[in-house]
Amino acid sequence: MAGFREWHAVESKTERLPKDPFLKALNHAGPRRAQLEIFLSDPDVPVDTNHLERCVRPVACGRKNRLSAWTGDGAERTASIRSLLFTCALHGVDPYVWLTDVLQRVADHPMSRVRGLIPRGSVLQL
């Protein structure tokens, strides 16, 4: 990272046109240095976002299939369910077991503890 910082400092001082995409990328990275280097201090933070991109791929692939939602409400409900299923996958929770558990408990569950129902707060691991 020290080498990257030095390279960034040199390249930032190079004369470029204001609309140069490379200059825009340099200007974008500069003030976000601390956020870009967070993976160095926290081993739980991945270096890349490939795991998130793999989660989003089915959304893009199935977009045409979901045109049959017919209404905005149907599309919002579909998006909510897909989001919950992706959250399950991201946290290693079996979606079928989680959904079965939540549907059995939701009627009696107090609103003050609703966070315990989301996949992230669940203890139902794969």
N, C-alpha and C. Protein backbone atom coordinates (compact mmCIF):
# COMPACT_ATOMS: atom_id res chain seq x y z
N MET A 1 0.83 -1.20 0.00
CA MET A 1 0.00 0.00 0.00
C MET A 1 0.87 1.25 0.00
N ALA A 2 2.04 1.15 0.63
CA ALA A 2 2.93 2.32 0.62
C ALA A 2 3.34 2.64 -0.82
N GLY A 3 3.61 1.60 -1.60
CA GLY A 3 3.97 1.80 -3.00
C GLY A 3 2.82 2.43 -3.78
N PHE A 4 1.61 1.99 -3.49
CA PHE A 4 0.44 2.56 -4.16
C PHE A 4 0.30 4.04 -3.81
N ARG A 5 0.50 4.37 -2.52
CA ARG A 5 0.37 5.77 -2.10
C ARG A 5 1.38 6.65 -2.81
N GLU A 6 2.62 6.15 -2.92
CA GLU A 6 3.66 6.93 -3.62
C GLU A 6 3.30 7.10 -5.09
N TRP A 7 2.88 6.01 -5.72
CA TRP A 7 2.49 6.06 -7.13
C TRP A 7 1.32 7.03 -7.31
N HIS A 8 0.34 6.97 -6.41
CA HIS A 8 -0.83 7.85 -6.47
C HIS A 8 -0.41 9.31 -6.38
N ALA A 9 0.52 9.61 -5.47
CA ALA A 9 0.99 11.00 -5.30
C ALA A 9 1.67 11.50 -6.57
N VAL A 10 2.49 10.66 -7.19
CA VAL A 10 3.19 11.05 -8.42
C VAL A 10 2.19 11.26 -9.55
N GLU A 11 1.28 10.31 -9.72
CA GLU A 11 0.31 10.39 -10.82
C GLU A 11 -0.67 11.55 -10.64
N SER A 12 -0.97 11.88 -9.40
CA SER A 12 -1.90 12.98 -9.15
C SER A 12 -1.32 14.33 -9.56
N LYS A 13 0.01 14.43 -9.54
CA LYS A 13 0.67 15.69 -9.90
C LYS A 13 0.92 15.80 -11.40
N THR A 14 0.72 14.70 -12.13
CA THR A 14 0.92 14.72 -13.58
C THR A 14 -0.19 15.54 -14.23
N GLU A 15 0.19 16.36 -15.20
CA GLU A 15 -0.81 17.20 -15.87
C GLU A 15 -1.70 16.33 -16.76
N ARG A 16 -2.99 16.46 -16.58
CA ARG A 16 -3.97 15.71 -17.36
C ARG A 16 -5.16 16.63 -17.64
N LEU A 17 -5.93 16.26 -18.64
CA LEU A 17 -7.15 17.01 -18.93
C LEU A 17 -8.17 16.77 -17.81
N PRO A 18 -8.99 17.77 -17.48
CA PRO A 18 -9.95 17.62 -16.38
C PRO A 18 -10.93 16.46 -16.57
N LYS A 19 -11.27 16.13 -17.82
CA LYS A 19 -12.25 15.05 -18.06
C LYS A 19 -11.58 13.70 -18.28
N ASP A 20 -10.30 13.61 -18.05
CA ASP A 20 -9.58 12.34 -18.22
C ASP A 20 -10.13 11.31 -17.22
N PRO A 21 -10.61 10.15 -17.68
CA PRO A 21 -11.17 9.13 -16.77
C PRO A 21 -10.16 8.66 -15.72
N PHE A 22 -8.87 8.62 -16.11
CA PHE A 22 -7.85 8.20 -15.16
C PHE A 22 -7.72 9.23 -14.03
N LEU A 23 -7.79 10.51 -14.37
CA LEU A 23 -7.73 11.56 -13.36
C LEU A 23 -8.94 11.47 -12.43
N LYS A 24 -10.10 11.17 -13.00
CA LYS A 24 -11.30 11.02 -12.17
C LYS A 24 -11.13 9.86 -11.19
N ALA A 25 -10.54 8.76 -11.65
CA ALA A 25 -10.31 7.61 -10.76
C ALA A 25 -9.31 7.98 -9.67
N LEU A 26 -8.27 8.70 -10.01
CA LEU A 26 -7.30 9.13 -9.00
C LEU A 26 -7.95 10.03 -7.96
N ASN A 27 -8.75 10.98 -8.43
CA ASN A 27 -9.43 11.89 -7.51
C ASN A 27 -10.45 11.16 -6.65
N HIS A 28 -11.02 10.10 -7.17
CA HIS A 28 -11.98 9.31 -6.41
C HIS A 28 -11.28 8.53 -5.29
N ALA A 29 -10.12 7.98 -5.59
CA ALA A 29 -9.40 7.14 -4.62
C ALA A 29 -8.73 7.96 -3.52
N GLY A 30 -8.28 9.16 -3.84
CA GLY A 30 -7.52 9.96 -2.87
C GLY A 30 -8.20 10.17 -1.53
N PRO A 31 -9.36 10.79 -1.48
CA PRO A 31 -10.00 11.06 -0.20
C PRO A 31 -10.58 9.80 0.48
N ARG A 32 -10.63 8.71 -0.25
CA ARG A 32 -11.21 7.48 0.31
C ARG A 32 -10.13 6.48 0.72
N ARG A 33 -8.93 6.96 0.93
CA ARG A 33 -7.81 6.06 1.23
C ARG A 33 -8.08 5.20 2.45
N ALA A 34 -8.60 5.79 3.51
CA ALA A 34 -8.85 5.02 4.74
C ALA A 34 -9.87 3.91 4.48
N GLN A 35 -10.92 4.21 3.72
CA GLN A 35 -11.93 3.19 3.42
C GLN A 35 -11.37 2.11 2.50
N LEU A 36 -10.51 2.50 1.56
CA LEU A 36 -9.94 1.53 0.64
C LEU A 36 -8.93 0.61 1.33
N GLU A 37 -8.37 1.04 2.43
CA GLU A 37 -7.36 0.25 3.13
C GLU A 37 -7.91 -0.50 4.34
N ILE A 38 -9.21 -0.49 4.53
CA ILE A 38 -9.79 -1.12 5.72
C ILE A 38 -9.49 -2.61 5.78
N PHE A 39 -9.36 -3.25 4.62
CA PHE A 39 -9.09 -4.69 4.61
C PHE A 39 -7.73 -5.03 5.21
N LEU A 40 -6.82 -4.06 5.29
CA LEU A 40 -5.50 -4.31 5.87
C LEU A 40 -5.57 -4.49 7.39
N SER A 41 -6.51 -3.80 8.02
CA SER A 41 -6.60 -3.87 9.49
C SER A 41 -7.67 -4.84 9.99
N ASP A 42 -8.62 -5.23 9.13
CA ASP A 42 -9.69 -6.13 9.55
C ASP A 42 -9.70 -7.35 8.64
N PRO A 43 -9.29 -8.51 9.16
CA PRO A 43 -9.21 -9.70 8.31
C PRO A 43 -10.57 -10.21 7.82
N ASP A 44 -11.67 -9.75 8.43
CA ASP A 44 -12.99 -10.17 8.00
C ASP A 44 -13.48 -9.42 6.76
N VAL A 45 -12.80 -8.35 6.39
CA VAL A 45 -13.20 -7.57 5.22
C VAL A 45 -12.46 -8.12 4.00
N PRO A 46 -13.20 -8.60 3.00
CA PRO A 46 -12.53 -9.14 1.81
C PRO A 46 -11.87 -8.04 0.98
N VAL A 47 -10.86 -8.43 0.23
CA VAL A 47 -10.12 -7.48 -0.61
C VAL A 47 -10.99 -7.00 -1.77
N ASP A 48 -11.87 -7.87 -2.27
CA ASP A 48 -12.71 -7.50 -3.40
C ASP A 48 -14.18 -7.70 -3.05
N THR A 49 -15.04 -7.42 -4.00
CA THR A 49 -16.48 -7.56 -3.78
C THR A 49 -17.07 -8.67 -4.64
N ASN A 50 -16.25 -9.64 -5.00
CA ASN A 50 -16.73 -10.72 -5.86
C ASN A 50 -17.91 -11.47 -5.24
N HIS A 51 -17.89 -11.67 -3.92
CA HIS A 51 -18.98 -12.39 -3.28
C HIS A 51 -20.30 -11.63 -3.44
N LEU A 52 -20.25 -10.31 -3.41
CA LEU A 52 -21.46 -9.52 -3.60
C LEU A 52 -21.92 -9.55 -5.06
N GLU A 53 -20.96 -9.52 -5.96
CA GLU A 53 -21.32 -9.57 -7.38
C GLU A 53 -21.96 -10.91 -7.74
N ARG A 54 -21.49 -12.00 -7.13
CA ARG A 54 -22.11 -13.30 -7.37
C ARG A 54 -23.55 -13.32 -6.86
N CYS A 55 -23.82 -12.59 -5.79
CA CYS A 55 -25.19 -12.51 -5.26
C CYS A 55 -26.09 -11.70 -6.18
N VAL A 56 -25.55 -10.70 -6.83
CA VAL A 56 -26.36 -9.81 -7.67
C VAL A 56 -26.61 -10.43 -9.05
N ARG A 57 -25.73 -11.33 -9.49
CA ARG A 57 -25.86 -11.91 -10.83
C ARG A 57 -27.23 -12.53 -11.08
N PRO A 58 -27.79 -13.33 -10.15
CA PRO A 58 -29.12 -13.89 -10.41
C PRO A 58 -30.20 -12.82 -10.58
N VAL A 59 -30.02 -11.69 -9.91
CA VAL A 59 -30.99 -10.60 -10.05
C VAL A 59 -30.98 -10.10 -11.49
N ALA A 60 -29.79 -9.86 -12.02
CA ALA A 60 -29.68 -9.37 -13.39
C ALA A 60 -30.16 -10.42 -14.38
N CYS A 61 -29.83 -11.68 -14.14
CA CYS A 61 -30.24 -12.76 -15.07
C CYS A 61 -31.75 -12.97 -15.05
N GLY A 62 -32.38 -12.79 -13.90
CA GLY A 62 -33.81 -13.05 -13.79
C GLY A 62 -34.68 -11.84 -13.99
N ARG A 63 -34.07 -10.72 -14.35
CA ARG A 63 -34.84 -9.47 -14.48
C ARG A 63 -35.98 -9.62 -15.49
N LYS A 64 -35.70 -10.24 -16.62
CA LYS A 64 -36.73 -10.39 -17.64
C LYS A 64 -37.84 -11.32 -17.15
N ASN A 65 -37.48 -12.34 -16.39
CA ASN A 65 -38.48 -13.26 -15.86
C ASN A 65 -39.42 -12.56 -14.88
N ARG A 66 -38.92 -11.58 -14.18
CA ARG A 66 -39.73 -10.90 -13.17
C ARG A 66 -40.58 -9.77 -13.74
N LEU A 67 -40.56 -9.61 -15.04
CA LEU A 67 -41.45 -8.62 -15.65
C LEU A 67 -42.90 -9.02 -15.48
N SER A 68 -43.12 -10.29 -15.12
CA SER A 68 -44.48 -10.77 -14.95
C SER A 68 -45.05 -10.41 -13.58
N ALA A 69 -44.36 -9.58 -12.81
CA ALA A 69 -44.88 -9.16 -11.51
C ALA A 69 -46.15 -8.32 -11.68
N TRP A 70 -46.35 -7.74 -12.82
CA TRP A 70 -47.54 -7.00 -13.24
C TRP A 70 -47.76 -5.68 -12.52
N THR A 71 -47.46 -5.61 -11.24
CA THR A 71 -47.72 -4.37 -10.51
C THR A 71 -46.46 -3.93 -9.77
N GLY A 72 -46.45 -2.68 -9.39
CA GLY A 72 -45.34 -2.19 -8.58
C GLY A 72 -45.26 -2.89 -7.24
N ASP A 73 -46.42 -3.17 -6.64
CA ASP A 73 -46.43 -3.88 -5.36
C ASP A 73 -45.84 -5.27 -5.50
N GLY A 74 -46.19 -5.96 -6.57
CA GLY A 74 -45.64 -7.30 -6.80
C GLY A 74 -44.14 -7.26 -6.98
N ALA A 75 -43.66 -6.25 -7.70
CA ALA A 75 -42.22 -6.11 -7.91
C ALA A 75 -41.51 -5.80 -6.59
N GLU A 76 -42.10 -4.95 -5.75
CA GLU A 76 -41.49 -4.63 -4.45
C GLU A 76 -41.43 -5.85 -3.55
N ARG A 77 -42.49 -6.64 -3.56
CA ARG A 77 -42.50 -7.86 -2.73
C ARG A 77 -41.45 -8.86 -3.23
N THR A 78 -41.35 -8.99 -4.53
CA THR A 78 -40.34 -9.88 -5.10
C THR A 78 -38.95 -9.41 -4.70
N ALA A 79 -38.70 -8.11 -4.79
CA ALA A 79 -37.40 -7.57 -4.41
C ALA A 79 -37.11 -7.80 -2.93
N SER A 80 -38.11 -7.66 -2.09
CA SER A 80 -37.92 -7.87 -0.65
C SER A 80 -37.55 -9.32 -0.35
N ILE A 81 -38.27 -10.23 -0.95
CA ILE A 81 -37.98 -11.66 -0.73
C ILE A 81 -36.59 -12.01 -1.25
N ARG A 82 -36.26 -11.53 -2.46
CA ARG A 82 -34.93 -11.81 -3.02
C ARG A 82 -33.84 -11.24 -2.13
N SER A 83 -34.06 -10.06 -1.59
CA SER A 83 -33.07 -9.45 -0.70
C SER A 83 -32.86 -10.30 0.55
N LEU A 84 -33.93 -10.79 1.12
CA LEU A 84 -33.82 -11.64 2.30
C LEU A 84 -33.09 -12.95 1.98
N LEU A 85 -33.38 -13.53 0.81
CA LEU A 85 -32.71 -14.77 0.43
C LEU A 85 -31.22 -14.55 0.19
N PHE A 86 -30.85 -13.42 -0.42
CA PHE A 86 -29.45 -13.10 -0.62
C PHE A 86 -28.75 -12.85 0.71
N THR A 87 -29.45 -12.23 1.65
CA THR A 87 -28.88 -11.99 2.97
C THR A 87 -28.63 -13.32 3.67
N CYS A 88 -29.55 -14.27 3.52
CA CYS A 88 -29.34 -15.61 4.07
C CYS A 88 -28.06 -16.21 3.52
N ALA A 89 -27.91 -16.17 2.19
CA ALA A 89 -26.73 -16.75 1.56
C ALA A 89 -25.46 -16.05 2.02
N LEU A 90 -25.51 -14.74 2.16
CA LEU A 90 -24.35 -13.97 2.57
C LEU A 90 -23.89 -14.32 3.98
N HIS A 91 -24.84 -14.66 4.86
CA HIS A 91 -24.50 -14.98 6.24
C HIS A 91 -24.46 -16.48 6.53
N GLY A 92 -24.56 -17.30 5.49
CA GLY A 92 -24.45 -18.74 5.66
C GLY A 92 -25.66 -19.37 6.34
N VAL A 93 -26.82 -18.76 6.19
CA VAL A 93 -28.05 -19.27 6.79
C VAL A 93 -28.84 -20.02 5.72
N ASP A 94 -29.34 -21.20 6.04
CA ASP A 94 -30.15 -21.98 5.10
C ASP A 94 -31.48 -21.25 4.91
N PRO A 95 -31.79 -20.76 3.70
CA PRO A 95 -33.00 -19.96 3.48
C PRO A 95 -34.29 -20.72 3.80
N TYR A 96 -34.35 -21.99 3.46
CA TYR A 96 -35.57 -22.77 3.72
C TYR A 96 -35.82 -22.90 5.22
N VAL A 97 -34.78 -23.25 5.96
CA VAL A 97 -34.91 -23.41 7.42
C VAL A 97 -35.25 -22.07 8.05
N TRP A 98 -34.58 -20.99 7.60
CA TRP A 98 -34.83 -19.67 8.17
C TRP A 98 -36.27 -19.23 7.92
N LEU A 99 -36.73 -19.37 6.67
CA LEU A 99 -38.08 -18.93 6.33
C LEU A 99 -39.13 -19.74 7.08
N THR A 100 -38.92 -21.05 7.19
CA THR A 100 -39.85 -21.89 7.95
C THR A 100 -39.91 -21.45 9.40
N ASP A 101 -38.75 -21.18 9.99
CA ASP A 101 -38.68 -20.74 11.38
C ASP A 101 -39.38 -19.40 11.57
N VAL A 102 -39.12 -18.45 10.69
CA VAL A 102 -39.71 -17.12 10.82
C VAL A 102 -41.23 -17.17 10.66
N LEU A 103 -41.71 -17.92 9.67
CA LEU A 103 -43.15 -17.99 9.45
C LEU A 103 -43.87 -18.65 10.63
N GLN A 104 -43.20 -19.54 11.34
CA GLN A 104 -43.81 -20.17 12.51
C GLN A 104 -43.82 -19.23 13.72
N ARG A 105 -42.83 -18.33 13.81
CA ARG A 105 -42.70 -17.47 14.99
C ARG A 105 -43.27 -16.06 14.83
N VAL A 106 -43.48 -15.60 13.61
CA VAL A 106 -43.76 -14.19 13.37
C VAL A 106 -45.05 -13.71 14.04
N ALA A 107 -46.06 -14.53 14.14
CA ALA A 107 -47.34 -14.10 14.73
C ALA A 107 -47.21 -13.77 16.21
N ASP A 108 -46.36 -14.48 16.93
CA ASP A 108 -46.21 -14.28 18.38
C ASP A 108 -44.97 -13.48 18.75
N HIS A 109 -44.19 -13.10 17.76
CA HIS A 109 -42.91 -12.44 18.05
C HIS A 109 -43.13 -10.96 18.39
N PRO A 110 -42.54 -10.48 19.49
CA PRO A 110 -42.72 -9.06 19.84
C PRO A 110 -41.99 -8.13 18.87
N MET A 111 -42.60 -7.02 18.56
CA MET A 111 -42.01 -6.05 17.63
C MET A 111 -40.68 -5.50 18.15
N SER A 112 -40.52 -5.45 19.45
CA SER A 112 -39.28 -4.91 20.01
C SER A 112 -38.08 -5.80 19.70
N ARG A 113 -38.33 -7.06 19.32
CA ARG A 113 -37.23 -7.98 19.02
C ARG A 113 -37.29 -8.45 17.57
N VAL A 114 -37.80 -7.62 16.68
CA VAL A 114 -37.96 -8.00 15.28
C VAL A 114 -36.61 -8.25 14.59
N ARG A 115 -35.55 -7.62 15.07
CA ARG A 115 -34.22 -7.83 14.48
C ARG A 115 -33.77 -9.28 14.60
N GLY A 116 -34.31 -9.99 15.57
CA GLY A 116 -33.97 -11.40 15.73
C GLY A 116 -34.54 -12.28 14.64
N LEU A 117 -35.44 -11.75 13.83
CA LEU A 117 -36.04 -12.52 12.75
C LEU A 117 -35.26 -12.43 11.44
N ILE A 118 -34.45 -11.39 11.28
CA ILE A 118 -33.75 -11.23 10.01
C ILE A 118 -32.63 -12.26 9.91
N PRO A 119 -32.26 -12.62 8.69
CA PRO A 119 -31.22 -13.65 8.51
C PRO A 119 -29.91 -13.32 9.21
N ARG A 120 -29.56 -12.05 9.29
CA ARG A 120 -28.28 -11.68 9.91
C ARG A 120 -28.30 -11.97 11.41
N GLY A 121 -29.46 -11.82 12.05
CA GLY A 121 -29.56 -12.07 13.48
C GLY A 121 -29.89 -13.51 13.80
N SER A 122 -30.03 -14.33 12.77
CA SER A 122 -30.44 -15.71 12.98
C SER A 122 -29.25 -16.58 13.40
N VAL A 123 -29.56 -17.65 14.08
CA VAL A 123 -28.54 -18.61 14.49
C VAL A 123 -28.64 -19.89 13.67
N LEU A 124 -29.49 -19.91 12.65
CA LEU A 124 -29.71 -21.10 11.84
C LEU A 124 -28.67 -21.16 10.73
N GLN A 125 -27.54 -21.74 11.01
CA GLN A 125 -26.46 -21.82 10.05
C GLN A 125 -26.65 -23.01 9.11
N LEU A 126 -26.01 -22.94 7.94
CA LEU A 126 -26.08 -24.03 6.95
C LEU A 126 -25.47 -25.29 7.50
